[in-house]
Every structure is written in C-alpha cells, then in structure tokens.
Amino acid sequence: MKNFTLLIGGIFLFFSCTNEESKEQNSGVSNEEVLNTATDSLPDGEWNGEYMKIKDDEESKIQRKSQGSDFFSMGKIDLLIGGDSINFNLFERKKNSLTFTNQSLSAFIKSAFNEDIHLRFKKNDMLVNHKGKYKSDPSLKSNESFSMYIKAGEKGKEKEYNLVSGEAKIIVFSPRLGNLEVKINGIFVDKEGNKKRGSGMVNMEFEGAVMTAM
C-alpha cells in the first residue's frame, strides 16, 4: 500500500514539473506572436479595435455607385442577349420609377452598379387592358407597342442595346402594389450596330407607381 502511494505521488510530481517547464518555455512568447500563430490559417482580415473583420475578395470587387446609395432588393431581371447574360438583382434605392397614364406605361430601372433599363409601353385603355402582347416600335407611334433600352456591364466596359424588333408580354401590372412582370423576346442592336437575338424577363416590385397627366 505504501509503495502504491509513493507511485501515485511520483506520477503527480512528474506531470507538475512538465507543466511548469511548458509554461516557462511559452513565457517568452509575446501575445502578438501567439495571435499571429493562431491566425496563420485564417483568411486575411483587419482588426477594427473590437473584432477581426475578414476580407472578402468577391465583396471588394463590387462597389456601390456612391456612398449615398443603398443596395436594395426589388426583384430580378434575367436577360440573355447573344452570348451576354444580363442579371440585375440589386438596385439603387429611390432611383427606380414606374409611371403610367391610361395610354402609356414607363419603367426606369437602375441597378446598384450604375446599369440602366428603360422600358416603355403604349396602349389605349392601359389601366384596364394592360395584359397581353406588344410589338417592338422604338418610336412608340403605333398602338400596343413598346421600346427597350439597356446599358449593362462593368464600369468602363458597359454594353448598350436597343430592341429593334420582337415582342413583349405584360403578365402583371399593378399600380397599387408597384408590380411589373414582363416577358421579352426579340432582336437587339448594340453600339457597333451588331444585331443579336435576346430574351428574358423583367420582374420588379417598385417602391411606388405614379400616375402622370401625360
């Protein structure tokens, strides 16, 4: 029994000495070195005085148009023109408008990255009979016609398109809710005069819809 007690005491003494030696070896390491070692495997970040903010490479590529603008979700735009995919899902707040009369409907859409879409429709008795198909007519002289202009892409590499033939179909137009859903299919012309077939959908919920006198 006495030998067993001495054995337990020896084991306890051995581990106590080992722990003390480990503490003495680590006592010369600064807090900064410990922090650097612990964060070597983490993504790059910046200390803001309270916590480490991790840098996101993708986030750094996306910049707001201006400091006074907010990212705002108002729906989605999906278009494919030639081989170019145009997708809006973030918009510049208070820069999107939906206006209408009993003979016209206009949507001015601006993404959070300074991209634009102008969409106009002409039809008699628009408020009641807005649903249905519209033929492309950039001049908007004929009844049941529409026009469409697009500017999209990275800053300095923007592409512009005007729809010159084709059709659009208004699926939903709600002045009360500010909703507009349109299917589009036709031929677009870019700045260089190249014709490209395109199709897609505009599905937006505007902050408001305004009826104008004209």
Protein backbone atom coordinates (compact mmCIF):
# COMPACT_ATOMS: atom_id res chain seq x y z
CA MET A 1 0.00 0.00 0.00
CA LYS A 2 2.86 2.36 0.90
CA ASN A 3 4.59 1.58 -2.43
CA PHE A 4 1.38 2.32 -4.34
CA THR A 5 1.03 5.71 -2.60
CA LEU A 6 4.63 6.59 -3.48
CA LEU A 7 3.98 5.62 -7.14
CA ILE A 8 0.91 7.92 -7.41
CA GLY A 9 2.85 10.75 -5.78
CA GLY A 10 5.72 10.32 -8.25
CA ILE A 11 3.40 10.46 -11.26
CA PHE A 12 1.72 13.61 -9.96
CA LEU A 13 5.12 15.24 -9.32
CA PHE A 14 6.30 14.33 -12.88
CA PHE A 15 3.31 15.95 -14.59
CA SER A 16 3.54 19.03 -12.36
CA CYS A 17 7.16 19.56 -13.39
CA THR A 18 6.31 19.02 -17.06
CA ASN A 19 3.53 21.65 -16.94
CA GLU A 20 5.81 24.17 -15.19
CA GLU A 21 8.53 23.61 -17.80
CA SER A 22 6.00 24.14 -20.62
CA LYS A 23 4.82 27.40 -19.04
CA GLU A 24 8.41 28.63 -18.69
CA GLN A 25 9.12 27.87 -22.36
CA ASN A 26 5.98 29.72 -23.51
CA SER A 27 6.52 32.66 -21.15
CA GLY A 28 8.99 34.21 -23.62
CA VAL A 29 6.42 34.26 -26.45
CA SER A 30 4.60 37.58 -26.91
CA ASN A 31 0.83 37.86 -27.22
CA GLU A 32 1.32 39.19 -30.74
CA GLU A 33 3.29 36.08 -31.75
CA VAL A 34 0.62 33.83 -30.24
CA LEU A 35 -2.08 35.73 -32.16
CA ASN A 36 -0.14 35.52 -35.42
CA THR A 37 0.40 31.79 -34.97
CA ALA A 38 -3.26 31.19 -34.19
CA THR A 39 -4.48 33.18 -37.19
CA ASP A 40 -1.97 31.97 -39.80
CA SER A 41 -4.52 29.61 -41.32
CA LEU A 42 -7.38 32.14 -41.35
CA PRO A 43 -8.33 34.41 -44.32
CA ASP A 44 -6.84 37.91 -44.46
CA GLY A 45 -8.55 40.34 -42.13
CA GLU A 46 -8.34 43.70 -40.40
CA TRP A 47 -8.56 44.41 -36.66
CA ASN A 48 -11.06 47.26 -36.04
CA GLY A 49 -10.43 47.56 -32.30
CA GLU A 50 -13.17 45.13 -31.32
CA TYR A 51 -13.00 42.13 -33.63
CA MET A 52 -11.25 40.76 -36.71
CA LYS A 53 -13.07 41.69 -39.95
CA ILE A 54 -12.38 39.10 -42.66
CA LYS A 55 -11.68 40.48 -46.14
CA ASP A 56 -13.87 39.07 -48.92
CA ASP A 57 -12.23 39.14 -52.36
CA GLU A 58 -15.58 38.99 -54.13
CA GLU A 59 -17.01 41.77 -51.98
CA SER A 60 -14.06 44.03 -52.74
CA LYS A 61 -14.79 43.79 -56.47
CA ILE A 62 -18.33 45.11 -56.03
CA GLN A 63 -18.58 48.79 -55.29
CA ARG A 64 -21.61 50.93 -54.81
CA LYS A 65 -22.25 53.70 -57.29
CA SER A 66 -21.93 56.25 -54.48
CA GLN A 67 -21.68 56.37 -50.71
CA GLY A 68 -25.19 57.83 -50.52
CA SER A 69 -26.81 54.90 -52.30
CA ASP A 70 -28.11 51.71 -50.72
CA PHE A 71 -28.31 48.19 -52.07
CA PHE A 72 -31.99 47.35 -52.31
CA SER A 73 -33.76 44.17 -53.42
CA MET A 74 -36.70 44.97 -55.70
CA GLY A 75 -36.99 41.86 -57.80
CA LYS A 76 -34.95 40.35 -60.59
CA ILE A 77 -34.05 40.90 -64.24
CA ASP A 78 -32.75 37.99 -66.33
CA LEU A 79 -31.88 38.58 -69.98
CA LEU A 80 -29.70 36.72 -72.45
CA ILE A 81 -28.63 38.79 -75.47
CA GLY A 82 -26.37 36.94 -77.87
CA GLY A 83 -23.82 35.42 -75.50
CA ASP A 84 -24.22 38.17 -72.89
CA SER A 85 -26.08 37.38 -69.69
CA ILE A 86 -27.66 40.42 -68.03
CA ASN A 87 -28.78 39.93 -64.45
CA PHE A 88 -29.97 42.64 -62.06
CA ASN A 89 -30.88 41.66 -58.50
CA LEU A 90 -29.58 44.65 -56.53
CA PHE A 91 -30.90 48.12 -57.25
CA GLU A 92 -30.16 51.72 -56.37
CA ARG A 93 -32.74 52.89 -53.89
CA LYS A 94 -35.06 55.76 -54.91
CA LYS A 95 -33.71 55.69 -58.48
CA ASN A 96 -36.26 53.26 -59.92
CA SER A 97 -39.60 54.59 -61.09
CA LEU A 98 -42.81 53.24 -62.57
CA THR A 99 -45.09 55.85 -64.16
CA PHE A 100 -48.27 55.42 -66.16
CA THR A 101 -51.24 57.07 -67.82
CA ASN A 102 -54.29 55.49 -69.41
CA GLN A 103 -52.34 55.27 -72.69
CA SER A 104 -48.77 54.51 -71.55
CA LEU A 105 -46.55 52.73 -69.06
CA SER A 106 -42.88 53.55 -68.38
CA ALA A 107 -40.35 51.74 -66.20
CA PHE A 108 -36.95 53.25 -65.43
CA ILE A 109 -34.70 50.74 -63.70
CA LYS A 110 -31.24 51.38 -62.25
CA SER A 111 -29.10 48.68 -60.66
CA ALA A 112 -26.81 49.31 -57.68
CA PHE A 113 -23.87 49.31 -60.12
CA ASN A 114 -24.96 52.14 -62.45
CA GLU A 115 -26.70 49.90 -65.01
CA ASP A 116 -29.91 51.05 -66.69
CA ILE A 117 -33.01 49.67 -68.36
CA HIS A 118 -35.72 51.86 -69.90
CA LEU A 119 -38.92 50.07 -70.81
CA ARG A 120 -41.93 51.89 -72.37
CA PHE A 121 -45.36 50.66 -73.49
CA LYS A 122 -48.17 52.31 -75.43
CA LYS A 123 -51.74 51.06 -75.46
CA ASN A 124 -55.19 52.61 -75.31
CA ASP A 125 -57.03 51.91 -72.07
CA MET A 126 -53.77 50.79 -70.41
CA LEU A 127 -55.16 50.72 -66.86
CA VAL A 128 -57.81 48.12 -67.64
CA ASN A 129 -56.42 46.20 -70.63
CA HIS A 130 -52.67 46.24 -69.99
CA LYS A 131 -52.17 42.46 -70.16
CA GLY A 132 -51.18 40.95 -73.47
CA LYS A 133 -48.58 41.22 -76.24
CA TYR A 134 -46.86 44.35 -77.54
CA LYS A 135 -44.82 44.71 -80.75
CA SER A 136 -41.45 46.42 -80.80
CA ASP A 137 -41.57 50.00 -82.08
CA PRO A 138 -38.77 52.32 -80.91
CA SER A 139 -40.82 55.35 -82.00
CA LEU A 140 -43.88 54.24 -79.95
CA LYS A 141 -46.18 55.63 -82.65
CA SER A 142 -48.35 52.55 -83.05
CA ASN A 143 -50.85 51.24 -80.54
CA GLU A 144 -49.88 48.16 -78.49
CA SER A 145 -46.16 48.86 -78.98
CA PHE A 146 -43.11 49.02 -76.73
CA SER A 147 -39.45 50.07 -76.69
CA MET A 148 -36.49 48.91 -74.63
CA TYR A 149 -33.01 50.28 -73.94
CA ILE A 150 -30.33 48.53 -71.86
CA LYS A 151 -26.95 49.62 -70.52
CA ALA A 152 -25.21 46.90 -68.53
CA GLY A 153 -21.77 45.64 -67.55
CA GLU A 154 -18.73 46.65 -65.53
CA LYS A 155 -17.76 50.31 -65.34
CA GLY A 156 -15.70 51.22 -68.40
CA LYS A 157 -16.89 48.08 -70.20
CA GLU A 158 -20.60 48.82 -70.41
CA LYS A 159 -22.62 47.41 -73.30
CA GLU A 160 -25.68 49.15 -74.71
CA TYR A 161 -28.60 47.54 -76.51
CA ASN A 162 -31.75 48.83 -78.21
CA LEU A 163 -34.54 46.42 -79.06
CA VAL A 164 -35.50 46.92 -82.73
CA SER A 165 -37.91 44.04 -83.38
CA GLY A 166 -39.76 41.42 -81.42
CA GLU A 167 -42.46 41.36 -78.79
CA ALA A 168 -43.11 41.73 -75.09
CA LYS A 169 -45.88 40.29 -72.98
CA ILE A 170 -47.11 42.06 -69.85
CA ILE A 171 -48.05 39.36 -67.35
CA VAL A 172 -48.56 41.57 -64.28
CA PHE A 173 -49.01 45.31 -63.87
CA SER A 174 -50.31 46.54 -60.52
CA PRO A 175 -50.32 50.33 -59.98
CA ARG A 176 -51.38 49.83 -56.36
CA LEU A 177 -48.52 47.44 -55.50
CA GLY A 178 -45.98 48.80 -57.98
CA ASN A 179 -45.51 45.38 -59.60
CA LEU A 180 -44.44 44.82 -63.19
CA GLU A 181 -43.68 41.46 -64.77
CA VAL A 182 -42.82 41.29 -68.48
CA LYS A 183 -41.53 38.58 -70.84
CA ILE A 184 -39.36 39.81 -73.72
CA ASN A 185 -38.18 38.19 -76.96
CA GLY A 186 -36.63 39.95 -79.95
CA ILE A 187 -33.65 41.38 -81.81
CA PHE A 188 -31.33 43.87 -80.13
CA VAL A 189 -28.75 46.17 -81.73
CA ASP A 190 -25.57 47.11 -79.84
CA LYS A 191 -23.49 50.31 -80.10
CA GLU A 192 -21.50 48.90 -83.01
CA GLY A 193 -24.65 48.09 -84.97
CA ASN A 194 -24.47 44.32 -84.44
CA LYS A 195 -27.80 42.53 -84.24
CA LYS A 196 -28.26 39.93 -81.51
CA ARG A 197 -31.23 37.83 -80.54
CA GLY A 198 -32.28 38.16 -76.93
CA SER A 199 -34.94 37.02 -74.50
CA GLY A 200 -35.72 37.06 -70.81
CA MET A 201 -37.87 38.52 -68.08
CA VAL A 202 -38.28 41.68 -66.03
CA ASN A 203 -39.94 41.03 -62.67
CA MET A 204 -39.89 44.11 -60.44
CA GLU A 205 -41.60 45.47 -57.36
CA PHE A 206 -41.06 49.23 -57.45
CA GLU A 207 -41.13 51.45 -54.37
CA GLY A 208 -44.19 53.09 -55.87
CA ALA A 209 -46.11 53.71 -59.08
CA VAL A 210 -47.15 57.25 -60.08
CA MET A 211 -49.90 58.28 -62.46
CA THR A 212 -48.91 61.26 -64.58
CA ALA A 213 -51.02 63.71 -66.59
CA MET A 214 -49.48 62.78 -69.97
